[in-house]
Each structure stands twice: as structure tokens, then as C-alpha cells.
Protein backbone atom coordinates (compact mmCIF):
# COMPACT_ATOMS: atom_id res chain seq x y z
CA MET A 1 -79.72 95.46 106.92
CA LEU A 2 -76.77 95.57 109.27
CA VAL A 3 -74.14 92.95 108.67
CA CYS A 4 -73.55 93.20 112.41
CA SER A 5 -76.98 91.63 112.90
CA PHE A 6 -75.14 88.35 112.49
CA ALA A 7 -73.74 88.99 115.97
CA LYS A 8 -77.10 87.83 117.31
CA LEU A 9 -76.47 84.46 115.73
CA LEU A 10 -73.09 84.21 117.42
CA CYS A 11 -74.81 84.06 120.80
CA GLU A 12 -76.38 80.77 119.66
CA ILE A 13 -73.22 79.32 118.13
CA ALA A 14 -70.17 77.96 119.89
CA ARG A 15 -68.61 75.23 117.92
CA ILE A 16 -65.43 73.32 117.17
CA TYR A 17 -62.76 73.57 114.49
CA CYS A 18 -62.99 73.05 110.72
CA GLY A 19 -61.82 72.12 106.96
CA SER A 20 -62.25 70.72 103.29
CA ALA A 21 -61.54 71.41 99.56
CA GLN A 22 -62.86 72.82 96.25
CA GLY A 23 -62.06 75.91 94.22
CA ASN A 24 -58.49 77.21 94.12
CA LEU A 25 -56.45 75.98 97.06
CA LEU A 26 -53.71 78.26 98.34
CA PRO A 27 -52.12 76.48 101.31
CA ASN A 28 -50.58 78.87 103.85
CA ALA A 29 -50.80 81.89 101.57
CA SER A 30 -48.66 84.82 102.65
CA LEU A 31 -49.83 87.67 104.84
CA GLU A 32 -49.34 90.10 101.94
CA THR A 33 -51.44 87.91 99.62
CA VAL A 34 -54.34 87.36 101.96
CA MET A 35 -54.64 90.20 104.43
CA GLU A 36 -54.43 93.53 102.54
CA THR A 37 -57.01 95.90 104.10
CA ILE A 38 -59.11 93.87 106.51
CA ASP A 39 -62.08 95.23 108.41
CA LEU A 40 -63.49 93.18 111.30
CA SER A 41 -65.88 95.92 112.41
CA PRO A 42 -69.65 95.96 111.71
CA THR A 43 -70.77 97.35 108.38
CA PRO A 44 -73.19 100.29 108.73
CA ALA A 45 -76.58 100.23 107.07
CA SER A 46 -76.37 101.48 103.51
CA GLY A 47 -79.92 101.40 102.11
CA ALA A 48 -80.28 100.75 98.38
CA SER A 49 -76.56 101.09 97.76
CA GLY A 50 -75.98 98.19 100.14
CA VAL A 51 -78.19 95.96 97.99
CA ALA A 52 -76.15 96.84 94.91
CA GLU A 53 -72.95 96.15 96.79
CA THR A 54 -74.02 92.69 97.97
CA ALA A 55 -74.90 91.75 94.40
CA ALA A 56 -71.21 92.04 93.54
CA PHE A 57 -69.98 89.99 96.50
CA GLY A 58 -70.28 86.71 94.63
CA SER A 59 -67.14 87.36 92.59
CA ASN A 60 -65.18 88.74 95.54
CA LEU A 61 -65.19 85.98 98.14
CA ASP A 62 -62.27 84.10 99.68
CA LEU A 63 -63.02 81.15 101.96
CA VAL A 64 -60.26 80.45 104.48
CA SER A 65 -60.32 76.73 105.00
CA HIS A 66 -58.82 73.56 106.45
CA HIS A 67 -58.85 70.30 104.51
CA LEU A 68 -60.75 68.26 107.16
CA CYS A 69 -63.11 70.72 108.82
CA PRO A 70 -66.81 69.79 108.49
CA TYR A 71 -67.86 73.38 109.17
CA VAL A 72 -65.86 74.61 106.19
CA GLN A 73 -67.62 71.96 104.14
CA ARG A 74 -70.99 73.48 105.06
CA ALA A 75 -69.92 76.83 103.62
CA VAL A 76 -68.46 75.20 100.51
CA ILE A 77 -71.68 73.29 99.90
CA ALA A 78 -73.75 76.47 100.24
CA LEU A 79 -71.46 78.37 97.86
CA THR A 80 -71.62 75.53 95.35
CA GLU A 81 -75.39 75.11 95.52
CA LYS A 82 -75.80 78.83 94.91
CA GLY A 83 -73.27 78.84 92.08
CA VAL A 84 -71.15 81.52 93.76
CA PRO A 85 -67.54 81.79 92.54
CA HIS A 86 -65.01 81.83 95.35
CA ARG A 87 -61.40 81.05 96.18
CA ARG A 88 -60.27 78.50 98.77
CA ILE A 89 -57.27 79.24 100.98
CA ASP A 90 -56.22 76.29 103.16
CA VAL A 91 -54.36 76.86 106.42
CA ASP A 92 -52.58 74.49 108.78
CA LEU A 93 -54.45 74.75 112.08
CA ALA A 94 -51.59 73.00 113.86
CA ASP A 95 -49.24 75.78 112.77
CA LYS A 96 -51.41 78.84 112.23
CA PRO A 97 -49.75 81.54 110.14
CA ASP A 98 -49.55 85.06 111.55
CA TRP A 99 -51.89 86.51 108.92
CA PHE A 100 -54.57 84.00 109.95
CA ARG A 101 -54.20 84.82 113.65
CA ALA A 102 -54.56 88.50 112.77
CA ILE A 103 -57.97 88.06 111.10
CA SER A 104 -59.58 85.13 112.97
CA PRO A 105 -61.02 86.28 116.32
CA LEU A 106 -61.61 82.68 117.46
CA GLY A 107 -58.57 81.14 115.77
CA LYS A 108 -60.83 78.82 113.77
CA VAL A 109 -62.08 78.22 110.25
CA PRO A 110 -64.07 78.88 108.19
CA LEU A 111 -63.55 82.55 107.54
CA LEU A 112 -65.15 84.37 104.63
CA ARG A 113 -63.22 87.37 103.35
CA VAL A 114 -65.64 89.73 101.58
CA LYS A 115 -64.17 92.33 99.27
CA ARG A 116 -66.40 95.37 99.41
CA GLY A 117 -66.95 97.94 96.69
CA SER A 118 -65.27 100.61 98.80
CA GLY A 119 -61.95 98.80 98.41
CA ARG A 120 -62.02 97.58 102.00
CA GLU A 121 -62.62 94.00 103.13
CA ALA A 122 -64.72 92.41 105.83
CA ILE A 123 -64.17 89.10 107.61
CA LEU A 124 -67.06 86.84 108.59
CA PHE A 125 -66.43 83.93 110.95
CA GLU A 126 -68.51 80.92 112.06
CA SER A 127 -70.09 78.69 109.42
CA ALA A 128 -73.70 79.48 110.44
CA VAL A 129 -73.07 83.21 110.03
CA ILE A 130 -71.38 82.69 106.67
CA CYS A 131 -74.22 80.52 105.38
CA GLU A 132 -76.84 83.02 106.56
CA PHE A 133 -74.93 85.85 104.85
CA LEU A 134 -74.92 83.86 101.61
CA GLU A 135 -78.63 83.22 102.06
CA ASP A 136 -79.27 86.95 102.46
CA THR A 137 -77.12 88.10 99.54
CA GLN A 138 -77.12 85.34 96.91
CA PRO A 139 -79.78 83.69 94.74
CA GLU A 140 -81.00 80.09 95.02
CA PRO A 141 -82.38 80.14 98.59
CA LEU A 142 -81.50 77.11 100.71
CA HIS A 143 -83.85 77.83 103.61
CA PRO A 144 -87.63 77.21 103.52
CA GLU A 145 -89.82 80.27 102.96
CA ASP A 146 -92.10 79.48 105.90
CA PRO A 147 -90.72 81.09 109.10
CA LEU A 148 -91.57 78.11 111.31
CA ALA A 149 -90.00 75.60 108.92
CA ARG A 150 -86.95 77.86 108.63
CA ALA A 151 -86.59 77.96 112.42
CA GLN A 152 -86.95 74.18 112.60
CA HIS A 153 -84.21 73.76 110.02
CA ARG A 154 -81.91 76.03 112.03
CA ALA A 155 -82.61 73.93 115.11
CA TRP A 156 -81.66 70.74 113.26
CA ILE A 157 -78.48 72.41 112.03
CA GLU A 158 -77.60 72.89 115.69
CA PHE A 159 -78.45 69.23 116.26
CA ALA A 160 -75.97 68.28 113.53
CA SER A 161 -73.33 70.44 115.26
CA ALA A 162 -73.98 68.73 118.61
CA THR A 163 -73.66 65.36 116.89
CA LEU A 164 -70.31 66.43 115.46
CA ASN A 165 -69.16 66.97 119.04
CA ASP A 166 -70.20 63.38 119.78
CA VAL A 167 -68.22 62.22 116.75
CA GLY A 168 -65.16 63.90 118.27
CA GLY A 169 -65.86 62.13 121.55
CA PHE A 170 -66.04 58.81 119.69
CA TYR A 171 -62.71 59.04 117.90
CA ASN A 172 -60.99 60.47 121.00
CA ALA A 173 -62.34 57.83 123.43
CA PRO A 174 -59.43 56.55 125.56
CA ASP A 175 -60.62 52.95 126.07
CA ALA A 176 -63.15 50.35 124.93
CA ALA A 177 -65.79 51.31 127.51
CA ALA A 178 -65.64 54.98 126.57
CA LEU A 179 -65.77 54.13 122.86
CA GLU A 180 -68.89 52.01 123.39
CA ALA A 181 -70.56 54.75 125.41
CA LYS A 182 -69.90 57.25 122.63
CA ARG A 183 -71.08 54.75 120.01
CA VAL A 184 -74.38 54.33 121.87
CA ARG A 185 -74.72 58.09 122.16
CA LEU A 186 -74.35 58.45 118.39
CA VAL A 187 -76.93 55.73 117.75
CA GLU A 188 -79.32 57.64 120.03
CA ARG A 189 -78.68 60.83 118.10
CA PHE A 190 -79.45 59.15 114.80
CA ALA A 191 -82.57 57.52 116.26
CA TRP A 192 -83.87 61.07 116.86
CA LEU A 193 -83.07 61.95 113.26
CA GLU A 194 -84.83 58.79 112.05
CA ARG A 195 -88.09 60.05 113.56
CA HIS A 196 -87.88 63.47 111.91
CA VAL A 197 -86.22 63.08 108.51
CA SER A 198 -88.59 62.90 105.53
CA ASP A 199 -89.11 59.97 103.16
CA GLY A 200 -86.39 61.58 101.09
CA PRO A 201 -84.30 62.13 99.39
CA TYR A 202 -83.41 65.07 101.65
CA PHE A 203 -84.32 66.25 105.14
CA SER A 204 -87.61 67.89 104.09
CA GLY A 205 -88.23 66.03 100.86
CA ALA A 206 -87.16 66.81 97.32
CA ARG A 207 -85.57 70.20 97.99
CA PHE A 208 -81.94 70.42 99.16
CA SER A 209 -81.44 72.93 101.97
CA LEU A 210 -78.89 74.25 104.46
CA VAL A 211 -79.79 71.58 106.98
CA ASP A 212 -78.66 69.02 104.38
CA ALA A 213 -75.41 70.96 104.01
CA ALA A 214 -74.90 70.40 107.75
CA PHE A 215 -75.60 66.66 107.75
CA GLY A 216 -73.57 65.84 104.62
CA PRO A 217 -70.16 66.53 106.23
CA LEU A 218 -71.28 64.76 109.42
CA PHE A 219 -72.12 61.54 107.59
CA ARG A 220 -68.79 61.64 105.75
CA TYR A 221 -66.96 60.63 108.95
CA PHE A 222 -68.80 57.33 109.02
CA ASP A 223 -67.43 56.27 105.62
CA THR A 224 -64.04 56.16 107.32
CA PHE A 225 -65.29 54.69 110.60
CA GLU A 226 -66.77 51.79 108.63
CA ARG A 227 -63.35 51.07 107.14
CA ILE A 228 -62.09 50.52 110.70
CA GLY A 229 -64.87 48.36 112.14
CA ALA A 230 -68.54 47.35 112.13
CA PHE A 231 -70.04 49.73 114.68
CA GLY A 232 -73.70 49.39 113.66
CA PHE A 233 -74.49 53.10 113.78
CA PHE A 234 -77.34 52.87 111.26
CA ALA A 235 -78.39 49.20 111.55
CA ASP A 236 -82.03 49.87 112.50
CA LEU A 237 -82.42 53.27 110.89
CA PRO A 238 -83.58 52.83 107.27
CA ARG A 239 -84.55 56.48 106.73
CA VAL A 240 -81.22 57.74 108.00
CA ARG A 241 -79.39 55.21 105.83
CA ALA A 242 -81.28 56.41 102.75
CA TYR A 243 -80.72 60.04 103.70
CA ARG A 244 -77.00 59.43 104.13
CA GLU A 245 -76.79 57.76 100.71
CA ALA A 246 -78.67 60.61 99.03
CA LEU A 247 -76.35 63.22 100.53
CA SER A 248 -73.19 61.32 99.62
CA ALA A 249 -74.39 61.20 96.01
CA ARG A 250 -75.06 64.96 95.84
CA ALA A 251 -72.32 66.65 93.78
CA SER A 252 -71.99 69.67 96.09
CA VAL A 253 -71.51 67.39 99.11
CA ARG A 254 -69.20 64.95 97.36
CA ASP A 255 -66.98 67.67 95.92
CA ALA A 256 -66.73 69.73 99.13
CA VAL A 257 -63.56 67.79 99.98
CA ALA A 258 -60.49 66.80 98.00
CA GLU A 259 -60.03 63.29 96.61
CA ASP A 260 -57.47 62.49 99.29
CA TYR A 261 -59.86 63.37 102.14
CA PRO A 262 -60.40 59.73 103.26
CA ASP A 263 -56.66 59.14 103.55
CA ARG A 264 -56.12 62.46 105.33
CA LEU A 265 -58.89 61.66 107.81
CA MET A 266 -57.51 58.18 108.44
CA ALA A 267 -54.05 59.65 109.08
CA PHE A 268 -55.60 62.17 111.48
CA LEU A 269 -57.40 59.40 113.38
CA LYS A 270 -54.23 57.32 113.66
CA LYS A 271 -52.50 60.21 115.42
CA ARG A 272 -55.19 60.70 118.08
CA GLY A 273 -53.64 58.22 120.50
CA SER A 274 -57.15 56.93 121.26
CA TYR A 275 -58.71 53.50 121.50
CA LEU A 276 -60.00 53.91 117.92
CA SER A 277 -56.44 54.71 116.82
CA ASP A 278 -55.33 51.35 118.21
CA GLN A 279 -58.08 49.60 116.24
CA ILE A 280 -56.75 51.12 113.03
CA PHE A 281 -53.29 49.69 113.63
CA THR A 282 -54.64 46.22 114.54
CA ALA A 283 -57.24 46.02 111.75
């Protein structure tokens, strides 16, 4: 299989920034430490030898990260659920180091640095591509076997990404009217989810999957929003409330961020200069 086949997925993905925490954190590691021999080009097909090579990837993965990014959290959750050892390298997206600019085509996280058996390295970018690569090369599948169910899960992952954009609109709203409009939009999003999520504990029932890895980081924002005010996002949505609680209790979701994540997120929100920021200071 061509690793470059992931390029097809990129046509369907255009998302926002990222971050989180688990594994060994190496904030702003040096160019010499991180870059070495990087290859951003497609990997040619390699037949049976390629299968043997991917089997060794699990012990040769570096995840370039940011402490708040929900898209990084998706990759961390997938790595954790599959039991894949990896190293976390946090970067400051407000002051991107040169080595990061040199290997990130979009200037975003997550990036997955894959050390190949040939001694060279490859860089994967975009969380959906990284998660699909892990699904193709690592045990413990997180997608359904049925092709239609798998496609539906991918569609709901995109829904979670669109809802993350609405979350950004909510915390960046400049005034009360805009904040209320964004709040209503989020309630509408979750009303759609209410009609499609299973009786639990997870999206499709008892089995945790990649779509759950997408919704876990999304719901995490609302833990902090609820510290600021009573916005009623889930008031009439019992299934979504139960789903949110089940995901927050899952170890892979809970541990995808550092213990200081809530305080870091609150500090981030205070600096937005938005209407929500003002509510934090007056609460």
C-alpha cells in the first residue's frame, strides 16, 4: 500500500490548529534533536517488506504536539488505545521553532515522525491521516469492520471537526448577541448527535472507536465552559450527556492531556479578548 494514498484523505480534511499531553514531553526540542533525516515525500510500495517495516513503527514514533490542541488529543487517544509506545514533543504554536517550520507543511500540529527501517524518517500531518495510518499498521482496530459503518464513523468524525469550529466561534464571539448565536448553533449540533448516538456507553455501543476519540476532546472544552457560566448546552439531551460522561471517564481520553490542562485552557480563554473572556473576569 502506498503511504501517499493518505493524500486522498487530505482532500477531505481542512481543519484548525492543535495540542495535549501524555508520554515524554520535550517542549521546544532543538532542531538537531528532532529533525535529523526527514523525508516528506511519498513512500513507494514495498510489498511484503513494507508489512515487516510497519510492524516496527510502533517503537519508532514521535508525536509533535501542542498542550491544548484537540486534534493532537485524537492521535494520542488512538496511540493509547492501541498500546503503541511513542514520544511527545510539545511546541509553542505562538513562537514556532525553525525545525518545526521545516517539517510541517501546514504549520500545524499534530505531526507524526515515523522512523523507517532504512534509517530515514517520514512526516505525517493531519490527525485523520495519522489515525488512519495507525489503523492500517497497528493492532487493536478502532474502526468498524463493515465498510458502510466505517464510512459513517468517518462522516461523524468530520461532524466533530465542524463542531470544534463552532466551539472556536463561541469562545471568540465579540459580544453577547454573537455568543448567544454560537451557543444556539452548538445546541443544534448536539441535537443532531442526540438522534444518532447509541444507548451507550460509546457512539456505536460497547466498543470504543475512532469516532469516540474525536468527540472526547470536543466535550472536554465544555468542562471549562461550565466553570464560567450555565449555558445549557446539554439540558435536553440525555444521550449526549451520558455519552459525554462515558468518554470523560475513559482512561485514554482523560490522560490525553496534562493535569494542568483546565488551567491552561482557562488562561487561553482569558486572553481571547472576547465576550466570553469578559465573563471570566466578572464571574
